[in-house]
Amino acid sequence: MTKITPLERIVGTAAATLPLAASIILDKHFGYALGTGLWGMLILAWVWNLSAQKEAREE
């Protein structure tokens, strides 16, 4: 597996935080259920990003 460059790390972290902003906006306009689903996506993307960074460091 190739190493993760600093740019890829920044882009991955930014992509993982986008659902946070979307969930705050949608929570206010459309209700709890839709926002909660996006919070779940945020957590999964964040965990995936951290695990990919850990794997890249180990190699």
PDB file of N, CA and C in Angstrom:
ATOM      1  N   MET A   1       0.844  -1.180   0.000  1.00  0.00           N
ATOM      2  CA  MET A   1       0.000   0.000   0.000  1.00  0.00           C
ATOM      3  C   MET A   1       0.890   1.245   0.000  1.00  0.00           C
ATOM      4  N   THR A   2       0.467   2.255  -0.733  1.00  0.00           N
ATOM      5  CA  THR A   2       1.258   3.482  -0.792  1.00  0.00           C
ATOM      6  C   THR A   2       1.054   4.318   0.461  1.00  0.00           C
ATOM      7  N   LYS A   3       2.018   5.174   0.737  1.00  0.00           N
ATOM      8  CA  LYS A   3       1.912   6.052   1.898  1.00  0.00           C
ATOM      9  C   LYS A   3       0.908   7.161   1.637  1.00  0.00           C
ATOM     10  N   ILE A   4       0.241   7.608   2.682  1.00  0.00           N
ATOM     11  CA  ILE A   4      -0.685   8.725   2.575  1.00  0.00           C
ATOM     12  C   ILE A   4       0.121  10.014   2.671  1.00  0.00           C
ATOM     13  N   THR A   5      -0.049  10.866   1.683  1.00  0.00           N
ATOM     14  CA  THR A   5       0.663  12.144   1.687  1.00  0.00           C
ATOM     15  C   THR A   5      -0.069  13.119   2.607  1.00  0.00           C
ATOM     16  N   PRO A   6       0.602  14.182   3.044  1.00  0.00           N
ATOM     17  CA  PRO A   6      -0.074  15.175   3.880  1.00  0.00           C
ATOM     18  C   PRO A   6      -1.320  15.766   3.207  1.00  0.00           C
ATOM     19  N   LEU A   7      -1.265  15.968   1.888  1.00  0.00           N
ATOM     20  CA  LEU A   7      -2.428  16.504   1.181  1.00  0.00           C
ATOM     21  C   LEU A   7      -3.603  15.532   1.257  1.00  0.00           C
ATOM     22  N   GLU A   8      -3.333  14.249   1.063  1.00  0.00           N
ATOM     23  CA  GLU A   8      -4.396  13.251   1.159  1.00  0.00           C
ATOM     24  C   GLU A   8      -4.968  13.195   2.577  1.00  0.00           C
ATOM     25  N   ARG A   9      -4.132  13.374   3.559  1.00  0.00           N
ATOM     26  CA  ARG A   9      -4.591  13.373   4.945  1.00  0.00           C
ATOM     27  C   ARG A   9      -5.525  14.559   5.200  1.00  0.00           C
ATOM     28  N   ILE A  10      -5.150  15.733   4.681  1.00  0.00           N
ATOM     29  CA  ILE A  10      -5.981  16.934   4.848  1.00  0.00           C
ATOM     30  C   ILE A  10      -7.314  16.759   4.128  1.00  0.00           C
ATOM     31  N   VAL A  11      -7.257  16.264   2.884  1.00  0.00           N
ATOM     32  CA  VAL A  11      -8.485  16.066   2.109  1.00  0.00           C
ATOM     33  C   VAL A  11      -9.382  15.028   2.782  1.00  0.00           C
ATOM     34  N   GLY A  12      -8.805  13.957   3.287  1.00  0.00           N
ATOM     35  CA  GLY A  12      -9.582  12.928   3.969  1.00  0.00           C
ATOM     36  C   GLY A  12     -10.248  13.448   5.227  1.00  0.00           C
ATOM     37  N   THR A  13      -9.518  14.250   5.989  1.00  0.00           N
ATOM     38  CA  THR A  13     -10.085  14.828   7.211  1.00  0.00           C
ATOM     39  C   THR A  13     -11.197  15.808   6.873  1.00  0.00           C
ATOM     40  N   ALA A  14     -10.986  16.627   5.845  1.00  0.00           N
ATOM     41  CA  ALA A  14     -12.028  17.579   5.432  1.00  0.00           C
ATOM     42  C   ALA A  14     -13.277  16.833   4.958  1.00  0.00           C
ATOM     43  N   ALA A  15     -13.086  15.784   4.176  1.00  0.00           N
ATOM     44  CA  ALA A  15     -14.228  15.009   3.691  1.00  0.00           C
ATOM     45  C   ALA A  15     -14.970  14.339   4.840  1.00  0.00           C
ATOM     46  N   ALA A  16     -14.240  13.948   5.870  1.00  0.00           N
ATOM     47  CA  ALA A  16     -14.875  13.308   7.018  1.00  0.00           C
ATOM     48  C   ALA A  16     -15.673  14.296   7.853  1.00  0.00           C
ATOM     49  N   THR A  17     -15.354  15.588   7.773  1.00  0.00           N
ATOM     50  CA  THR A  17     -16.079  16.577   8.577  1.00  0.00           C
ATOM     51  C   THR A  17     -17.238  17.212   7.829  1.00  0.00           C
ATOM     52  N   LEU A  18     -17.335  17.016   6.510  1.00  0.00           N
ATOM     53  CA  LEU A  18     -18.450  17.599   5.754  1.00  0.00           C
ATOM     54  C   LEU A  18     -19.825  17.156   6.256  1.00  0.00           C
ATOM     55  N   PRO A  19     -20.040  15.867   6.579  1.00  0.00           N
ATOM     56  CA  PRO A  19     -21.367  15.487   7.088  1.00  0.00           C
ATOM     57  C   PRO A  19     -21.738  16.192   8.387  1.00  0.00           C
ATOM     58  N   LEU A  20     -20.766  16.655   9.152  1.00  0.00           N
ATOM     59  CA  LEU A  20     -21.061  17.390  10.381  1.00  0.00           C
ATOM     60  C   LEU A  20     -21.812  18.674  10.057  1.00  0.00           C
ATOM     61  N   ALA A  21     -21.285  19.460   9.123  1.00  0.00           N
ATOM     62  CA  ALA A  21     -21.954  20.696   8.737  1.00  0.00           C
ATOM     63  C   ALA A  21     -23.324  20.407   8.138  1.00  0.00           C
ATOM     64  N   ALA A  22     -23.402  19.391   7.290  1.00  0.00           N
ATOM     65  CA  ALA A  22     -24.678  19.040   6.678  1.00  0.00           C
ATOM     66  C   ALA A  22     -25.696  18.616   7.738  1.00  0.00           C
ATOM     67  N   SER A  23     -25.253  17.861   8.734  1.00  0.00           N
ATOM     68  CA  SER A  23     -26.185  17.388   9.755  1.00  0.00           C
ATOM     69  C   SER A  23     -26.717  18.532  10.603  1.00  0.00           C
ATOM     70  N   ILE A  24     -25.884  19.530  10.893  1.00  0.00           N
ATOM     71  CA  ILE A  24     -26.346  20.675  11.677  1.00  0.00           C
ATOM     72  C   ILE A  24     -27.406  21.440  10.897  1.00  0.00           C
ATOM     73  N   ILE A  25     -27.145  21.671   9.610  1.00  0.00           N
ATOM     74  CA  ILE A  25     -28.106  22.404   8.773  1.00  0.00           C
ATOM     75  C   ILE A  25     -29.403  21.615   8.632  1.00  0.00           C
ATOM     76  N   LEU A  26     -29.293  20.319   8.316  1.00  0.00           N
ATOM     77  CA  LEU A  26     -30.482  19.510   8.094  1.00  0.00           C
ATOM     78  C   LEU A  26     -31.250  19.268   9.387  1.00  0.00           C
ATOM     79  N   ASP A  27     -30.553  19.180  10.506  1.00  0.00           N
ATOM     80  CA  ASP A  27     -31.227  19.032  11.796  1.00  0.00           C
ATOM     81  C   ASP A  27     -32.173  20.202  12.046  1.00  0.00           C
ATOM     82  N   LYS A  28     -31.721  21.398  11.751  1.00  0.00           N
ATOM     83  CA  LYS A  28     -32.534  22.579  12.010  1.00  0.00           C
ATOM     84  C   LYS A  28     -33.730  22.657  11.067  1.00  0.00           C
ATOM     85  N   HIS A  29     -33.569  22.174   9.820  1.00  0.00           N
ATOM     86  CA  HIS A  29     -34.619  22.347   8.825  1.00  0.00           C
ATOM     87  C   HIS A  29     -35.517  21.126   8.648  1.00  0.00           C
ATOM     88  N   PHE A  30     -34.973  19.931   8.804  1.00  0.00           N
ATOM     89  CA  PHE A  30     -35.747  18.733   8.475  1.00  0.00           C
ATOM     90  C   PHE A  30     -35.964  17.785   9.645  1.00  0.00           C
ATOM     91  N   GLY A  31     -35.341  18.037  10.770  1.00  0.00           N
ATOM     92  CA  GLY A  31     -35.628  17.216  11.929  1.00  0.00           C
ATOM     93  C   GLY A  31     -34.493  16.290  12.342  1.00  0.00           C
ATOM     94  N   TYR A  32     -34.762  15.582  13.395  1.00  0.00           N
ATOM     95  CA  TYR A  32     -33.765  14.810  14.119  1.00  0.00           C
ATOM     96  C   TYR A  32     -33.249  13.603  13.348  1.00  0.00           C
ATOM     97  N   ALA A  33     -34.139  12.844  12.701  1.00  0.00           N
ATOM     98  CA  ALA A  33     -33.748  11.559  12.111  1.00  0.00           C
ATOM     99  C   ALA A  33     -32.708  11.726  11.007  1.00  0.00           C
ATOM    100  N   LEU A  34     -32.923  12.682  10.119  1.00  0.00           N
ATOM    101  CA  LEU A  34     -31.993  12.875   9.014  1.00  0.00           C
ATOM    102  C   LEU A  34     -30.632  13.338   9.526  1.00  0.00           C
ATOM    103  N   GLY A  35     -30.630  14.255  10.471  1.00  0.00           N
ATOM    104  CA  GLY A  35     -29.372  14.731  11.042  1.00  0.00           C
ATOM    105  C   GLY A  35     -28.612  13.635  11.762  1.00  0.00           C
ATOM    106  N   THR A  36     -29.339  12.767  12.463  1.00  0.00           N
ATOM    107  CA  THR A  36     -28.694  11.673  13.189  1.00  0.00           C
ATOM    108  C   THR A  36     -28.032  10.698  12.227  1.00  0.00           C
ATOM    109  N   GLY A  37     -28.667  10.428  11.088  1.00  0.00           N
ATOM    110  CA  GLY A  37     -28.058   9.568  10.080  1.00  0.00           C
ATOM    111  C   GLY A  37     -26.751  10.151   9.570  1.00  0.00           C
ATOM    112  N   LEU A  38     -26.711  11.455   9.399  1.00  0.00           N
ATOM    113  CA  LEU A  38     -25.485  12.089   8.931  1.00  0.00           C
ATOM    114  C   LEU A  38     -24.417  12.089  10.016  1.00  0.00           C
ATOM    115  N   TRP A  39     -24.804  12.182  11.278  1.00  0.00           N
ATOM    116  CA  TRP A  39     -23.822  12.049  12.364  1.00  0.00           C
ATOM    117  C   TRP A  39     -23.185  10.667  12.309  1.00  0.00           C
ATOM    118  N   GLY A  40     -24.001   9.641  12.019  1.00  0.00           N
ATOM    119  CA  GLY A  40     -23.459   8.289  11.884  1.00  0.00           C
ATOM    120  C   GLY A  40     -22.451   8.207  10.742  1.00  0.00           C
ATOM    121  N   MET A  41     -22.762   8.865   9.622  1.00  0.00           N
ATOM    122  CA  MET A  41     -21.830   8.894   8.492  1.00  0.00           C
ATOM    123  C   MET A  41     -20.536   9.596   8.888  1.00  0.00           C
ATOM    124  N   LEU A  42     -20.657  10.674   9.638  1.00  0.00           N
ATOM    125  CA  LEU A  42     -19.474  11.416  10.086  1.00  0.00           C
ATOM    126  C   LEU A  42     -18.566  10.514  10.914  1.00  0.00           C
ATOM    127  N   ILE A  43     -19.151   9.808  11.863  1.00  0.00           N
ATOM    128  CA  ILE A  43     -18.355   8.946  12.737  1.00  0.00           C
ATOM    129  C   ILE A  43     -17.683   7.830  11.932  1.00  0.00           C
ATOM    130  N   LEU A  44     -18.438   7.212  11.011  1.00  0.00           N
ATOM    131  CA  LEU A  44     -17.854   6.146  10.192  1.00  0.00           C
ATOM    132  C   LEU A  44     -16.726   6.667   9.316  1.00  0.00           C
ATOM    133  N   ALA A  45     -16.918   7.841   8.699  1.00  0.00           N
ATOM    134  CA  ALA A  45     -15.871   8.406   7.838  1.00  0.00           C
ATOM    135  C   ALA A  45     -14.638   8.760   8.658  1.00  0.00           C
ATOM    136  N   TRP A  46     -14.838   9.275   9.866  1.00  0.00           N
ATOM    137  CA  TRP A  46     -13.722   9.658  10.720  1.00  0.00           C
ATOM    138  C   TRP A  46     -12.920   8.425  11.146  1.00  0.00           C
ATOM    139  N   VAL A  47     -13.633   7.366  11.546  1.00  0.00           N
ATOM    140  CA  VAL A  47     -12.962   6.132  11.954  1.00  0.00           C
ATOM    141  C   VAL A  47     -12.228   5.517  10.768  1.00  0.00           C
ATOM    142  N   TRP A  48     -12.866   5.511   9.588  1.00  0.00           N
ATOM    143  CA  TRP A  48     -12.226   4.966   8.391  1.00  0.00           C
ATOM    144  C   TRP A  48     -10.961   5.749   8.060  1.00  0.00           C
ATOM    145  N   ASN A  49     -11.035   7.084   8.167  1.00  0.00           N
ATOM    146  CA  ASN A  49      -9.884   7.937   7.877  1.00  0.00           C
ATOM    147  C   ASN A  49      -8.739   7.636   8.852  1.00  0.00           C
ATOM    148  N   LEU A  50      -9.043   7.517  10.127  1.00  0.00           N
ATOM    149  CA  LEU A  50      -7.999   7.218  11.117  1.00  0.00           C
ATOM    150  C   LEU A  50      -7.387   5.845  10.878  1.00  0.00           C
ATOM    151  N   SER A  51      -8.219   4.852  10.541  1.00  0.00           N
ATOM    152  CA  SER A  51      -7.675   3.509  10.321  1.00  0.00           C
ATOM    153  C   SER A  51      -6.807   3.475   9.067  1.00  0.00           C
ATOM    154  N   ALA A  52      -7.177   4.228   8.032  1.00  0.00           N
ATOM    155  CA  ALA A  52      -6.351   4.276   6.822  1.00  0.00           C
ATOM    156  C   ALA A  52      -5.012   4.942   7.118  1.00  0.00           C
ATOM    157  N   GLN A  53      -5.032   5.981   7.937  1.00  0.00           N
ATOM    158  CA  GLN A  53      -3.780   6.644   8.309  1.00  0.00           C
ATOM    159  C   GLN A  53      -2.903   5.703   9.129  1.00  0.00           C
ATOM    160  N   LYS A  54      -3.511   4.942  10.036  1.00  0.00           N
ATOM    161  CA  LYS A  54      -2.748   4.004  10.870  1.00  0.00           C
ATOM    162  C   LYS A  54      -2.115   2.918  10.013  1.00  0.00           C
ATOM    163  N   GLU A  55      -2.878   2.373   9.058  1.00  0.00           N
ATOM    164  CA  GLU A  55      -2.337   1.339   8.169  1.00  0.00           C
ATOM    165  C   GLU A  55      -1.175   1.888   7.345  1.00  0.00           C
ATOM    166  N   ALA A  56      -1.300   3.126   6.882  1.00  0.00           N
ATOM    167  CA  ALA A  56      -0.238   3.721   6.064  1.00  0.00           C
ATOM    168  C   ALA A  56       1.026   3.936   6.892  1.00  0.00           C
ATOM    169  N   ARG A  57       0.868   4.279   8.156  1.00  0.00           N
ATOM    170  CA  ARG A  57       2.030   4.483   9.030  1.00  0.00           C
ATOM    171  C   ARG A  57       2.743   3.174   9.326  1.00  0.00           C
ATOM    172  N   GLU A  58       1.980   2.085   9.426  1.00  0.00           N
ATOM    173  CA  GLU A  58       2.567   0.791   9.759  1.00  0.00           C
ATOM    174  C   GLU A  58       3.394   0.224   8.615  1.00  0.00           C
ATOM    175  N   GLU A  59       3.100   0.633   7.387  1.00  0.00           N
ATOM    176  CA  GLU A  59       3.816   0.066   6.236  1.00  0.00           C
ATOM    177  C   GLU A  59       5.047   0.864   5.895  1.00  0.00           C
TER     178      GLU A  59
END
